[in-house]
Amino acid sequence: MSKWYGISHEGDMYCLGKCKNVQEANEVADDMGIDIISLIPQEQAETWAKFIFETIHEKEEEDE
Protein backbone atom coordinates (compact mmCIF):
# COMPACT_ATOMS: atom_id res chain seq x y z
CA MET A 1 0.00 0.00 0.00
CA SER A 2 1.42 3.36 -1.08
CA LYS A 3 0.60 6.91 -0.17
CA TRP A 4 -1.15 8.54 -3.15
CA TYR A 5 -1.32 12.13 -4.33
CA GLY A 6 -3.81 13.75 -6.68
CA ILE A 7 -3.42 16.70 -9.02
CA SER A 8 -6.54 18.87 -9.47
CA HIS A 9 -7.58 20.79 -12.59
CA GLU A 10 -6.28 23.92 -10.85
CA GLY A 11 -2.81 22.35 -10.53
CA ASP A 12 -3.01 21.81 -6.77
CA MET A 13 -1.52 18.65 -5.29
CA TYR A 14 -3.40 16.80 -2.55
CA CYS A 15 -2.26 13.94 -0.34
CA LEU A 16 -4.94 11.23 -0.48
CA GLY A 17 -3.32 9.02 2.15
CA LYS A 18 -2.45 5.34 1.89
CA CYS A 19 -4.52 3.51 -0.70
CA LYS A 20 -4.37 0.01 -2.13
CA ASN A 21 -4.71 1.08 -5.77
CA VAL A 22 -5.83 3.78 -8.20
CA GLN A 23 -9.51 2.97 -7.72
CA GLU A 24 -9.30 3.47 -3.96
CA ALA A 25 -7.33 6.73 -4.42
CA ASN A 26 -10.05 7.96 -6.82
CA GLU A 27 -12.72 7.14 -4.24
CA VAL A 28 -10.85 9.08 -1.55
CA ALA A 29 -10.56 12.10 -3.87
CA ASP A 30 -14.29 11.90 -4.63
CA ASP A 31 -15.07 11.76 -0.90
CA MET A 32 -12.90 14.87 -0.42
CA GLY A 33 -14.76 16.65 -3.24
CA ILE A 34 -11.62 17.04 -5.36
CA ASP A 35 -11.81 16.79 -9.16
CA ILE A 36 -8.57 14.92 -9.90
CA ILE A 37 -6.93 14.88 -13.33
CA SER A 38 -3.94 12.76 -12.31
CA LEU A 39 -3.12 10.29 -9.54
CA ILE A 40 0.48 9.77 -8.48
CA PRO A 41 1.91 7.12 -6.16
CA GLN A 42 4.34 8.30 -3.47
CA GLU A 43 7.29 6.81 -5.36
CA GLN A 44 6.70 9.31 -8.21
CA ALA A 45 5.41 12.30 -6.23
CA GLU A 46 8.77 14.01 -5.68
CA THR A 47 9.58 13.90 -9.40
CA TRP A 48 6.14 15.31 -10.26
CA ALA A 49 6.42 18.07 -7.66
CA LYS A 50 9.78 19.17 -9.11
CA PHE A 51 8.33 19.14 -12.64
CA ILE A 52 5.31 21.22 -11.61
CA PHE A 53 7.47 23.72 -9.71
CA GLU A 54 9.91 24.10 -12.62
CA THR A 55 7.07 24.51 -15.13
CA ILE A 56 5.39 27.23 -13.04
CA HIS A 57 8.73 28.98 -12.48
CA GLU A 58 9.49 28.98 -16.23
CA LYS A 59 6.00 30.34 -17.00
CA GLU A 60 6.47 33.18 -14.49
CA GLU A 61 9.79 34.11 -16.13
CA GLU A 62 8.11 34.19 -19.57
CA ASP A 63 5.37 36.46 -18.25
CA GLU A 64 7.85 39.08 -16.97
PDB file of N, CA and C in Angstrom:
ATOM      1  N   MET A   1       0.845  -1.174   0.000  1.00  0.00           N
ATOM      2  CA  MET A   1       0.000   0.000   0.000  1.00  0.00           C
ATOM      3  C   MET A   1       0.893   1.241   0.000  1.00  0.00           C
ATOM      4  N   SER A   2       0.635   2.130  -0.940  1.00  0.00           N
ATOM      5  CA  SER A   2       1.416   3.361  -1.077  1.00  0.00           C
ATOM      6  C   SER A   2       0.579   4.566  -0.694  1.00  0.00           C
ATOM      7  N   LYS A   3       1.276   5.629  -0.352  1.00  0.00           N
ATOM      8  CA  LYS A   3       0.600   6.911  -0.175  1.00  0.00           C
ATOM      9  C   LYS A   3       0.381   7.469  -1.579  1.00  0.00           C
ATOM     10  N   TRP A   4      -0.813   8.008  -1.825  1.00  0.00           N
ATOM     11  CA  TRP A   4      -1.153   8.535  -3.146  1.00  0.00           C
ATOM     12  C   TRP A   4      -1.395  10.033  -3.078  1.00  0.00           C
ATOM     13  N   TYR A   5      -1.108  10.699  -4.187  1.00  0.00           N
ATOM     14  CA  TYR A   5      -1.324  12.132  -4.332  1.00  0.00           C
ATOM     15  C   TYR A   5      -2.175  12.358  -5.571  1.00  0.00           C
ATOM     16  N   GLY A   6      -2.979  13.400  -5.534  1.00  0.00           N
ATOM     17  CA  GLY A   6      -3.813  13.747  -6.679  1.00  0.00           C
ATOM     18  C   GLY A   6      -3.537  15.163  -7.124  1.00  0.00           C
ATOM     19  N   ILE A   7      -3.585  15.374  -8.435  1.00  0.00           N
ATOM     20  CA  ILE A   7      -3.424  16.702  -9.016  1.00  0.00           C
ATOM     21  C   ILE A   7      -4.805  17.153  -9.507  1.00  0.00           C
ATOM     22  N   SER A   8      -5.228  18.337  -9.070  1.00  0.00           N
ATOM     23  CA  SER A   8      -6.537  18.866  -9.472  1.00  0.00           C
ATOM     24  C   SER A   8      -6.414  19.635 -10.787  1.00  0.00           C
ATOM     25  N   HIS A   9      -7.559  19.991 -11.350  1.00  0.00           N
ATOM     26  CA  HIS A   9      -7.584  20.789 -12.587  1.00  0.00           C
ATOM     27  C   HIS A   9      -6.906  22.140 -12.388  1.00  0.00           C
ATOM     28  N   GLU A  10      -6.900  22.627 -11.142  1.00  0.00           N
ATOM     29  CA  GLU A  10      -6.275  23.920 -10.851  1.00  0.00           C
ATOM     30  C   GLU A  10      -4.762  23.796 -10.673  1.00  0.00           C
ATOM     31  N   GLY A  11      -4.243  22.567 -10.685  1.00  0.00           N
ATOM     32  CA  GLY A  11      -2.809  22.352 -10.534  1.00  0.00           C
ATOM     33  C   GLY A  11      -2.382  22.163  -9.087  1.00  0.00           C
ATOM     34  N   ASP A  12      -3.343  22.044  -8.171  1.00  0.00           N
ATOM     35  CA  ASP A  12      -3.014  21.812  -6.766  1.00  0.00           C
ATOM     36  C   ASP A  12      -2.749  20.324  -6.537  1.00  0.00           C
ATOM     37  N   MET A  13      -1.844  20.030  -5.617  1.00  0.00           N
ATOM     38  CA  MET A  13      -1.518  18.650  -5.294  1.00  0.00           C
ATOM     39  C   MET A  13      -2.060  18.327  -3.910  1.00  0.00           C
ATOM     40  N   TYR A  14      -2.791  17.226  -3.805  1.00  0.00           N
ATOM     41  CA  TYR A  14      -3.404  16.803  -2.553  1.00  0.00           C
ATOM     42  C   TYR A  14      -2.881  15.432  -2.150  1.00  0.00           C
ATOM     43  N   CYS A  15      -2.615  15.256  -0.862  1.00  0.00           N
ATOM     44  CA  CYS A  15      -2.263  13.939  -0.340  1.00  0.00           C
ATOM     45  C   CYS A  15      -3.568  13.203  -0.058  1.00  0.00           C
ATOM     46  N   LEU A  16      -3.724  12.021  -0.642  1.00  0.00           N
ATOM     47  CA  LEU A  16      -4.936  11.232  -0.476  1.00  0.00           C
ATOM     48  C   LEU A  16      -4.766  10.129   0.557  1.00  0.00           C
ATOM     49  N   GLY A  17      -3.576  10.037   1.140  1.00  0.00           N
ATOM     50  CA  GLY A  17      -3.323   9.016   2.155  1.00  0.00           C
ATOM     51  C   GLY A  17      -2.936   7.686   1.527  1.00  0.00           C
ATOM     52  N   LYS A  18      -2.843   6.670   2.367  1.00  0.00           N
ATOM     53  CA  LYS A  18      -2.451   5.341   1.890  1.00  0.00           C
ATOM     54  C   LYS A  18      -3.649   4.638   1.279  1.00  0.00           C
ATOM     55  N   CYS A  19      -3.469   4.203   0.038  1.00  0.00           N
ATOM     56  CA  CYS A  19      -4.519   3.513  -0.703  1.00  0.00           C
ATOM     57  C   CYS A  19      -3.932   2.257  -1.338  1.00  0.00           C
ATOM     58  N   LYS A  20      -4.806   1.274  -1.540  1.00  0.00           N
ATOM     59  CA  LYS A  20      -4.366   0.007  -2.133  1.00  0.00           C
ATOM     60  C   LYS A  20      -4.058   0.136  -3.616  1.00  0.00           C
ATOM     61  N   ASN A  21      -4.854   0.982  -4.317  1.00  0.00           N
ATOM     62  CA  ASN A  21      -4.715   1.077  -5.769  1.00  0.00           C
ATOM     63  C   ASN A  21      -5.330   2.397  -6.274  1.00  0.00           C
ATOM     64  N   VAL A  22      -5.316   2.562  -7.582  1.00  0.00           N
ATOM     65  CA  VAL A  22      -5.829   3.783  -8.204  1.00  0.00           C
ATOM     66  C   VAL A  22      -7.318   3.968  -7.907  1.00  0.00           C
ATOM     67  N   GLN A  23      -8.069   2.878  -7.960  1.00  0.00           N
ATOM     68  CA  GLN A  23      -9.509   2.971  -7.722  1.00  0.00           C
ATOM     69  C   GLN A  23      -9.796   3.509  -6.318  1.00  0.00           C
ATOM     70  N   GLU A  24      -9.084   2.992  -5.320  1.00  0.00           N
ATOM     71  CA  GLU A  24      -9.297   3.471  -3.959  1.00  0.00           C
ATOM     72  C   GLU A  24      -8.878   4.935  -3.820  1.00  0.00           C
ATOM     73  N   ALA A  25      -7.777   5.337  -4.457  1.00  0.00           N
ATOM     74  CA  ALA A  25      -7.328   6.728  -4.418  1.00  0.00           C
ATOM     75  C   ALA A  25      -8.372   7.641  -5.062  1.00  0.00           C
ATOM     76  N   ASN A  26      -8.981   7.196  -6.166  1.00  0.00           N
ATOM     77  CA  ASN A  26     -10.052   7.961  -6.816  1.00  0.00           C
ATOM     78  C   ASN A  26     -11.243   8.137  -5.889  1.00  0.00           C
ATOM     79  N   GLU A  27     -11.599   7.080  -5.172  1.00  0.00           N
ATOM     80  CA  GLU A  27     -12.725   7.142  -4.241  1.00  0.00           C
ATOM     81  C   GLU A  27     -12.451   8.125  -3.109  1.00  0.00           C
ATOM     82  N   VAL A  28     -11.224   8.141  -2.599  1.00  0.00           N
ATOM     83  CA  VAL A  28     -10.852   9.083  -1.546  1.00  0.00           C
ATOM     84  C   VAL A  28     -10.975  10.515  -2.067  1.00  0.00           C
ATOM     85  N   ALA A  29     -10.469  10.758  -3.272  1.00  0.00           N
ATOM     86  CA  ALA A  29     -10.559  12.098  -3.870  1.00  0.00           C
ATOM     87  C   ALA A  29     -12.019  12.521  -4.031  1.00  0.00           C
ATOM     88  N   ASP A  30     -12.864  11.599  -4.489  1.00  0.00           N
ATOM     89  CA  ASP A  30     -14.292  11.904  -4.629  1.00  0.00           C
ATOM     90  C   ASP A  30     -14.900  12.264  -3.280  1.00  0.00           C
ATOM     91  N   ASP A  31     -14.557  11.489  -2.253  1.00  0.00           N
ATOM     92  CA  ASP A  31     -15.072  11.762  -0.904  1.00  0.00           C
ATOM     93  C   ASP A  31     -14.627  13.131  -0.399  1.00  0.00           C
ATOM     94  N   MET A  32     -13.427  13.567  -0.825  1.00  0.00           N
ATOM     95  CA  MET A  32     -12.900  14.869  -0.416  1.00  0.00           C
ATOM     96  C   MET A  32     -13.478  16.003  -1.276  1.00  0.00           C
ATOM     97  N   GLY A  33     -14.183  15.643  -2.350  1.00  0.00           N
ATOM     98  CA  GLY A  33     -14.762  16.648  -3.236  1.00  0.00           C
ATOM     99  C   GLY A  33     -13.755  17.272  -4.179  1.00  0.00           C
ATOM    100  N   ILE A  34     -12.685  16.533  -4.492  1.00  0.00           N
ATOM    101  CA  ILE A  34     -11.621  17.044  -5.361  1.00  0.00           C
ATOM    102  C   ILE A  34     -11.762  16.419  -6.750  1.00  0.00           C
ATOM    103  N   ASP A  35     -11.748  17.265  -7.786  1.00  0.00           N
ATOM    104  CA  ASP A  35     -11.806  16.793  -9.163  1.00  0.00           C
ATOM    105  C   ASP A  35     -10.367  16.553  -9.623  1.00  0.00           C
ATOM    106  N   ILE A  36      -9.966  15.310  -9.625  1.00  0.00           N
ATOM    107  CA  ILE A  36      -8.572  14.925  -9.904  1.00  0.00           C
ATOM    108  C   ILE A  36      -8.370  14.657 -11.389  1.00  0.00           C
ATOM    109  N   ILE A  37      -7.263  15.185 -11.934  1.00  0.00           N
ATOM    110  CA  ILE A  37      -6.930  14.879 -13.325  1.00  0.00           C
ATOM    111  C   ILE A  37      -5.791  13.867 -13.413  1.00  0.00           C
ATOM    112  N   SER A  38      -5.055  13.699 -12.313  1.00  0.00           N
ATOM    113  CA  SER A  38      -3.941  12.757 -12.314  1.00  0.00           C
ATOM    114  C   SER A  38      -3.709  12.230 -10.906  1.00  0.00           C
ATOM    115  N   LEU A  39      -3.464  10.923 -10.810  1.00  0.00           N
ATOM    116  CA  LEU A  39      -3.125  10.294  -9.537  1.00  0.00           C
ATOM    117  C   LEU A  39      -1.669   9.838  -9.593  1.00  0.00           C
ATOM    118  N   ILE A  40      -0.949  10.063  -8.507  1.00  0.00           N
ATOM    119  CA  ILE A  40       0.477   9.775  -8.480  1.00  0.00           C
ATOM    120  C   ILE A  40       0.810   8.995  -7.213  1.00  0.00           C
ATOM    121  N   PRO A  41       1.472   7.833  -7.353  1.00  0.00           N
ATOM    122  CA  PRO A  41       1.911   7.119  -6.158  1.00  0.00           C
ATOM    123  C   PRO A  41       3.097   7.841  -5.512  1.00  0.00           C
ATOM    124  N   GLN A  42       3.296   7.608  -4.231  1.00  0.00           N
ATOM    125  CA  GLN A  42       4.342   8.297  -3.473  1.00  0.00           C
ATOM    126  C   GLN A  42       5.709   8.182  -4.150  1.00  0.00           C
ATOM    127  N   GLU A  43       5.985   7.035  -4.741  1.00  0.00           N
ATOM    128  CA  GLU A  43       7.289   6.810  -5.364  1.00  0.00           C
ATOM    129  C   GLU A  43       7.581   7.815  -6.480  1.00  0.00           C
ATOM    130  N   GLN A  44       6.530   8.367  -7.101  1.00  0.00           N
ATOM    131  CA  GLN A  44       6.702   9.312  -8.208  1.00  0.00           C
ATOM    132  C   GLN A  44       6.389  10.754  -7.824  1.00  0.00           C
ATOM    133  N   ALA A  45       5.895  10.969  -6.623  1.00  0.00           N
ATOM    134  CA  ALA A  45       5.412  12.299  -6.231  1.00  0.00           C
ATOM    135  C   ALA A  45       6.507  13.355  -6.220  1.00  0.00           C
ATOM    136  N   GLU A  46       7.696  13.015  -5.746  1.00  0.00           N
ATOM    137  CA  GLU A  46       8.768  14.008  -5.683  1.00  0.00           C
ATOM    138  C   GLU A  46       9.150  14.476  -7.085  1.00  0.00           C
ATOM    139  N   THR A  47       9.245  13.552  -8.015  1.00  0.00           N
ATOM    140  CA  THR A  47       9.580  13.899  -9.397  1.00  0.00           C
ATOM    141  C   THR A  47       8.511  14.816  -9.996  1.00  0.00           C
ATOM    142  N   TRP A  48       7.241  14.488  -9.762  1.00  0.00           N
ATOM    143  CA  TRP A  48       6.140  15.310 -10.258  1.00  0.00           C
ATOM    144  C   TRP A  48       6.159  16.693  -9.638  1.00  0.00           C
ATOM    145  N   ALA A  49       6.397  16.771  -8.337  1.00  0.00           N
ATOM    146  CA  ALA A  49       6.418  18.066  -7.655  1.00  0.00           C
ATOM    147  C   ALA A  49       7.515  18.958  -8.243  1.00  0.00           C
ATOM    148  N   LYS A  50       8.687  18.396  -8.499  1.00  0.00           N
ATOM    149  CA  LYS A  50       9.778  19.170  -9.107  1.00  0.00           C
ATOM    150  C   LYS A  50       9.377  19.658 -10.493  1.00  0.00           C
ATOM    151  N   PHE A  51       8.762  18.778 -11.286  1.00  0.00           N
ATOM    152  CA  PHE A  51       8.331  19.139 -12.637  1.00  0.00           C
ATOM    153  C   PHE A  51       7.326  20.287 -12.602  1.00  0.00           C
ATOM    154  N   ILE A  52       6.334  20.186 -11.720  1.00  0.00           N
ATOM    155  CA  ILE A  52       5.307  21.221 -11.613  1.00  0.00           C
ATOM    156  C   ILE A  52       5.939  22.544 -11.185  1.00  0.00           C
ATOM    157  N   PHE A  53       6.814  22.508 -10.169  1.00  0.00           N
ATOM    158  CA  PHE A  53       7.472  23.720  -9.706  1.00  0.00           C
ATOM    159  C   PHE A  53       8.286  24.367 -10.825  1.00  0.00           C
ATOM    160  N   GLU A  54       9.069  23.556 -11.548  1.00  0.00           N
ATOM    161  CA  GLU A  54       9.907  24.098 -12.618  1.00  0.00           C
ATOM    162  C   GLU A  54       9.053  24.681 -13.744  1.00  0.00           C
ATOM    163  N   THR A  55       7.952  24.031 -14.061  1.00  0.00           N
ATOM    164  CA  THR A  55       7.071  24.515 -15.126  1.00  0.00           C
ATOM    165  C   THR A  55       6.452  25.856 -14.742  1.00  0.00           C
ATOM    166  N   ILE A  56       5.983  25.965 -13.511  1.00  0.00           N
ATOM    167  CA  ILE A  56       5.390  27.225 -13.042  1.00  0.00           C
ATOM    168  C   ILE A  56       6.443  28.323 -13.020  1.00  0.00           C
ATOM    169  N   HIS A  57       7.647  28.000 -12.549  1.00  0.00           N
ATOM    170  CA  HIS A  57       8.729  28.982 -12.479  1.00  0.00           C
ATOM    171  C   HIS A  57       9.082  29.483 -13.883  1.00  0.00           C
ATOM    172  N   GLU A  58       9.173  28.576 -14.861  1.00  0.00           N
ATOM    173  CA  GLU A  58       9.486  28.979 -16.226  1.00  0.00           C
ATOM    174  C   GLU A  58       8.381  29.873 -16.794  1.00  0.00           C
ATOM    175  N   LYS A  59       7.125  29.548 -16.513  1.00  0.00           N
ATOM    176  CA  LYS A  59       6.000  30.341 -16.998  1.00  0.00           C
ATOM    177  C   LYS A  59       6.052  31.749 -16.407  1.00  0.00           C
ATOM    178  N   GLU A  60       6.381  31.870 -15.124  1.00  0.00           N
ATOM    179  CA  GLU A  60       6.467  33.180 -14.491  1.00  0.00           C
ATOM    180  C   GLU A  60       7.572  34.025 -15.132  1.00  0.00           C
ATOM    181  N   GLU A  61       8.700  33.382 -15.481  1.00  0.00           N
ATOM    182  CA  GLU A  61       9.789  34.115 -16.131  1.00  0.00           C
ATOM    183  C   GLU A  61       9.367  34.607 -17.507  1.00  0.00           C
ATOM    184  N   GLU A  62       8.582  33.794 -18.241  1.00  0.00           N
ATOM    185  CA  GLU A  62       8.108  34.188 -19.571  1.00  0.00           C
ATOM    186  C   GLU A  62       7.154  35.369 -19.469  1.00  0.00           C
ATOM    187  N   ASP A  63       6.366  35.412 -18.412  1.00  0.00           N
ATOM    188  CA  ASP A  63       5.366  36.464 -18.247  1.00  0.00           C
ATOM    189  C   ASP A  63       5.989  37.821 -17.879  1.00  0.00           C
ATOM    190  N   GLU A  64       7.220  37.818 -17.409  1.00  0.00           N
ATOM    191  CA  GLU A  64       7.846  39.077 -16.967  1.00  0.00           C
ATOM    192  C   GLU A  64       8.313  39.930 -18.120  1.00  0.00           C
TER     193      GLU A  64
END
